[in-house]
């Protein structure tokens, strides 16, 4: 019987992110999803990756910096699905 280091239940944005992170750290991962990936709550999201500006309201400059850094990582890792949009 094959064993896994981690079983993730749910293939939404959080479950997929946790599974990807764990696999990237060398863990063997099994992700279980009843239907298609990101078809429930994740499919109804705005699909926007914010740069952390909302943290400025509470002077959370470290969080702003972290959010911007993570945004850049996503833009570089997945340019086919993550791209900058102009502010209108």
N, C-alpha and C. Protein backbone atom coordinates (compact mmCIF):
# COMPACT_ATOMS: atom_id res chain seq x y z
N UNK A 1 0.84 -1.18 0.00
CA UNK A 1 0.00 0.00 0.00
C UNK A 1 0.89 1.25 0.00
N UNK A 2 0.61 2.13 -0.93
CA UNK A 2 1.39 3.37 -1.04
C UNK A 2 0.96 4.35 0.05
N UNK A 3 1.93 4.99 0.67
CA UNK A 3 1.61 5.99 1.69
C UNK A 3 1.99 7.37 1.18
N UNK A 4 1.35 8.38 1.74
CA UNK A 4 1.61 9.78 1.39
C UNK A 4 1.97 10.53 2.66
N UNK A 5 2.78 11.55 2.48
CA UNK A 5 3.13 12.42 3.61
C UNK A 5 1.97 13.34 3.97
N UNK A 6 1.19 13.73 2.96
CA UNK A 6 0.11 14.69 3.17
C UNK A 6 -1.06 14.38 2.26
N UNK A 7 -2.25 14.41 2.82
CA UNK A 7 -3.48 14.30 2.03
C UNK A 7 -4.21 15.62 2.17
N UNK A 8 -4.48 16.25 1.04
CA UNK A 8 -5.20 17.53 1.02
C UNK A 8 -6.60 17.26 0.50
N UNK A 9 -7.60 17.66 1.26
CA UNK A 9 -8.98 17.46 0.84
C UNK A 9 -9.50 18.79 0.32
N UNK A 10 -9.78 18.84 -0.96
CA UNK A 10 -10.28 20.05 -1.60
C UNK A 10 -9.28 20.59 -2.60
N UNK A 11 -9.74 20.82 -3.81
CA UNK A 11 -8.88 21.30 -4.88
C UNK A 11 -9.14 22.74 -5.26
N UNK A 12 -9.55 23.53 -4.28
CA UNK A 12 -9.71 24.96 -4.53
C UNK A 12 -8.36 25.65 -4.44
N UNK A 13 -8.37 26.96 -4.40
CA UNK A 13 -7.13 27.71 -4.38
C UNK A 13 -6.28 27.38 -3.16
N UNK A 14 -6.91 27.23 -2.02
CA UNK A 14 -6.14 26.92 -0.81
C UNK A 14 -5.60 25.50 -0.84
N UNK A 15 -6.44 24.55 -1.18
CA UNK A 15 -5.99 23.16 -1.23
C UNK A 15 -4.90 22.95 -2.28
N UNK A 16 -5.10 23.52 -3.46
CA UNK A 16 -4.10 23.38 -4.52
C UNK A 16 -2.79 24.07 -4.13
N UNK A 17 -2.91 25.22 -3.49
CA UNK A 17 -1.70 25.93 -3.05
C UNK A 17 -0.93 25.16 -2.00
N UNK A 18 -1.65 24.59 -1.05
CA UNK A 18 -1.01 23.80 0.00
C UNK A 18 -0.36 22.56 -0.61
N UNK A 19 -1.07 21.90 -1.52
CA UNK A 19 -0.51 20.71 -2.16
C UNK A 19 0.74 21.05 -2.96
N UNK A 20 0.70 22.14 -3.71
CA UNK A 20 1.86 22.55 -4.52
C UNK A 20 3.04 22.92 -3.63
N UNK A 21 2.78 23.64 -2.55
CA UNK A 21 3.85 24.04 -1.64
C UNK A 21 4.49 22.81 -1.00
N UNK A 22 3.65 21.90 -0.54
CA UNK A 22 4.17 20.69 0.11
C UNK A 22 4.99 19.84 -0.87
N UNK A 23 4.48 19.69 -2.09
CA UNK A 23 5.22 18.93 -3.10
C UNK A 23 6.55 19.61 -3.41
N UNK A 24 6.53 20.93 -3.46
CA UNK A 24 7.76 21.68 -3.71
C UNK A 24 8.79 21.52 -2.61
N UNK A 25 8.32 21.15 -1.43
CA UNK A 25 9.22 20.92 -0.29
C UNK A 25 9.64 19.46 -0.18
N UNK A 26 9.23 18.66 -1.17
CA UNK A 26 9.66 17.27 -1.21
C UNK A 26 8.71 16.26 -0.59
N UNK A 27 7.54 16.70 -0.14
CA UNK A 27 6.57 15.77 0.44
C UNK A 27 5.81 15.06 -0.67
N UNK A 28 5.40 13.83 -0.41
CA UNK A 28 4.51 13.14 -1.34
C UNK A 28 3.08 13.52 -0.96
N UNK A 29 2.32 13.99 -1.94
CA UNK A 29 1.02 14.60 -1.67
C UNK A 29 -0.07 13.92 -2.48
N UNK A 30 -1.22 13.73 -1.85
CA UNK A 30 -2.42 13.29 -2.53
C UNK A 30 -3.47 14.36 -2.30
N UNK A 31 -4.00 14.94 -3.39
CA UNK A 31 -5.06 15.94 -3.27
C UNK A 31 -6.36 15.31 -3.77
N UNK A 32 -7.39 15.38 -2.94
CA UNK A 32 -8.69 14.81 -3.28
C UNK A 32 -9.69 15.93 -3.53
N UNK A 33 -10.40 15.84 -4.65
CA UNK A 33 -11.42 16.83 -5.00
C UNK A 33 -12.60 16.08 -5.59
N UNK A 34 -13.80 16.37 -5.11
CA UNK A 34 -14.99 15.66 -5.56
C UNK A 34 -15.33 15.97 -7.02
N UNK A 35 -15.06 17.20 -7.43
CA UNK A 35 -15.40 17.59 -8.81
C UNK A 35 -14.15 18.12 -9.50
N UNK A 36 -14.32 19.12 -10.34
CA UNK A 36 -13.18 19.71 -11.06
C UNK A 36 -12.43 20.66 -10.14
N UNK A 37 -11.16 20.86 -10.40
CA UNK A 37 -10.36 21.78 -9.60
C UNK A 37 -10.93 23.20 -9.67
N UNK A 38 -10.96 23.85 -8.55
CA UNK A 38 -11.38 25.25 -8.43
C UNK A 38 -12.78 25.51 -9.01
N UNK A 39 -13.68 24.55 -8.87
CA UNK A 39 -15.01 24.72 -9.47
C UNK A 39 -16.05 25.26 -8.48
N UNK A 40 -15.72 25.31 -7.21
CA UNK A 40 -16.71 25.76 -6.22
C UNK A 40 -16.41 27.20 -5.81
N UNK A 41 -16.06 27.41 -4.57
CA UNK A 41 -15.81 28.76 -4.06
C UNK A 41 -14.75 29.49 -4.86
N UNK A 42 -13.67 28.81 -5.21
CA UNK A 42 -12.59 29.46 -5.95
C UNK A 42 -13.05 29.98 -7.30
N UNK A 43 -14.02 29.32 -7.92
CA UNK A 43 -14.48 29.77 -9.23
C UNK A 43 -15.27 31.07 -9.14
N UNK A 44 -15.76 31.41 -7.95
CA UNK A 44 -16.55 32.63 -7.78
C UNK A 44 -15.72 33.82 -7.31
N UNK A 45 -14.41 33.62 -7.16
CA UNK A 45 -13.57 34.72 -6.67
C UNK A 45 -13.35 35.75 -7.76
N UNK A 46 -12.79 36.88 -7.38
CA UNK A 46 -12.51 37.94 -8.36
C UNK A 46 -11.32 37.59 -9.24
N UNK A 47 -10.54 36.62 -8.83
CA UNK A 47 -9.34 36.17 -9.54
C UNK A 47 -8.29 37.26 -9.67
N UNK A 48 -8.34 38.22 -8.76
CA UNK A 48 -7.34 39.29 -8.74
C UNK A 48 -6.28 38.99 -7.69
N UNK A 49 -5.05 39.29 -8.00
CA UNK A 49 -3.95 39.16 -7.05
C UNK A 49 -3.60 40.58 -6.64
N UNK A 50 -3.96 40.94 -5.45
CA UNK A 50 -3.71 42.33 -5.04
C UNK A 50 -2.28 42.48 -4.56
N UNK A 51 -1.82 43.70 -4.54
CA UNK A 51 -0.45 43.99 -4.15
C UNK A 51 -0.28 44.37 -2.71
N UNK A 52 -1.31 44.18 -1.90
CA UNK A 52 -1.19 44.47 -0.48
C UNK A 52 -1.56 45.88 -0.07
N UNK A 53 -2.13 46.65 -0.98
CA UNK A 53 -2.45 48.04 -0.64
C UNK A 53 -3.43 48.15 0.51
N UNK A 54 -4.29 47.17 0.68
CA UNK A 54 -5.26 47.24 1.78
C UNK A 54 -4.58 47.23 3.14
N UNK A 55 -3.35 46.71 3.21
CA UNK A 55 -2.62 46.68 4.48
C UNK A 55 -2.10 48.05 4.88
N UNK A 56 -2.02 48.96 3.92
CA UNK A 56 -1.51 50.30 4.24
C UNK A 56 -2.42 51.03 5.23
N UNK A 57 -3.71 50.73 5.17
CA UNK A 57 -4.67 51.39 6.06
C UNK A 57 -4.29 51.22 7.53
N UNK A 58 -3.67 50.08 7.84
CA UNK A 58 -3.28 49.80 9.23
C UNK A 58 -1.77 49.86 9.41
N UNK A 59 -1.10 50.50 8.46
CA UNK A 59 0.36 50.71 8.53
C UNK A 59 1.13 49.40 8.63
N UNK A 60 0.65 48.39 7.95
CA UNK A 60 1.30 47.07 7.93
C UNK A 60 2.27 47.01 6.75
N UNK A 61 3.35 47.78 6.83
CA UNK A 61 4.28 47.90 5.72
C UNK A 61 4.97 46.58 5.38
N UNK A 62 5.23 45.76 6.38
CA UNK A 62 5.85 44.47 6.13
C UNK A 62 4.94 43.59 5.28
N UNK A 63 3.64 43.61 5.60
CA UNK A 63 2.69 42.81 4.82
C UNK A 63 2.56 43.32 3.39
N UNK A 64 2.62 44.63 3.21
CA UNK A 64 2.59 45.20 1.86
C UNK A 64 3.78 44.68 1.07
N UNK A 65 4.94 44.74 1.68
CA UNK A 65 6.16 44.27 1.02
C UNK A 65 6.07 42.79 0.67
N UNK A 66 5.58 41.98 1.59
CA UNK A 66 5.45 40.54 1.34
C UNK A 66 4.44 40.27 0.23
N UNK A 67 3.32 40.98 0.24
CA UNK A 67 2.30 40.78 -0.79
C UNK A 67 2.84 41.14 -2.17
N UNK A 68 3.57 42.23 -2.26
CA UNK A 68 4.15 42.64 -3.54
C UNK A 68 5.19 41.63 -4.02
N UNK A 69 5.98 41.11 -3.10
CA UNK A 69 6.99 40.11 -3.48
C UNK A 69 6.32 38.83 -3.99
N UNK A 70 5.27 38.38 -3.32
CA UNK A 70 4.56 37.17 -3.75
C UNK A 70 3.85 37.39 -5.08
N UNK A 71 3.33 38.60 -5.28
CA UNK A 71 2.69 38.94 -6.55
C UNK A 71 3.70 38.80 -7.69
N UNK A 72 4.91 39.28 -7.48
CA UNK A 72 5.96 39.18 -8.50
C UNK A 72 6.31 37.73 -8.78
N UNK A 73 6.35 36.91 -7.75
CA UNK A 73 6.63 35.48 -7.94
C UNK A 73 5.57 34.86 -8.84
N UNK A 74 4.30 35.15 -8.55
CA UNK A 74 3.21 34.59 -9.36
C UNK A 74 3.27 35.08 -10.80
N UNK A 75 3.57 36.35 -10.99
CA UNK A 75 3.65 36.90 -12.35
C UNK A 75 4.76 36.22 -13.14
N UNK A 76 5.86 35.87 -12.48
CA UNK A 76 6.98 35.21 -13.16
C UNK A 76 6.72 33.72 -13.37
N UNK A 77 6.07 33.08 -12.40
CA UNK A 77 5.83 31.64 -12.48
C UNK A 77 4.74 31.27 -13.48
N UNK A 78 3.74 32.12 -13.60
CA UNK A 78 2.57 31.77 -14.42
C UNK A 78 2.12 32.93 -15.29
N UNK A 79 2.97 33.41 -16.20
CA UNK A 79 2.58 34.55 -17.02
C UNK A 79 1.41 34.25 -17.96
N UNK A 80 1.14 32.98 -18.19
CA UNK A 80 0.02 32.59 -19.06
C UNK A 80 -1.33 32.75 -18.36
N UNK A 81 -1.34 32.83 -17.03
CA UNK A 81 -2.61 33.00 -16.31
C UNK A 81 -2.60 34.17 -15.34
N UNK A 82 -1.43 34.72 -15.06
CA UNK A 82 -1.34 35.86 -14.14
C UNK A 82 -0.63 37.00 -14.86
N UNK A 83 -1.32 38.10 -15.00
CA UNK A 83 -0.74 39.23 -15.72
C UNK A 83 -1.25 40.53 -15.11
N UNK A 84 -0.44 41.60 -15.19
CA UNK A 84 -0.85 42.89 -14.62
C UNK A 84 -2.03 43.48 -15.38
N UNK A 85 -2.87 44.18 -14.67
CA UNK A 85 -3.99 44.90 -15.28
C UNK A 85 -3.84 46.38 -14.96
N UNK A 86 -4.24 47.19 -15.88
CA UNK A 86 -4.18 48.63 -15.66
C UNK A 86 -5.27 49.06 -14.69
N UNK A 87 -4.94 50.00 -13.85
CA UNK A 87 -5.93 50.57 -12.93
C UNK A 87 -6.73 51.60 -13.69
N UNK A 88 -8.05 51.56 -13.55
CA UNK A 88 -8.90 52.53 -14.25
C UNK A 88 -9.58 53.42 -13.27
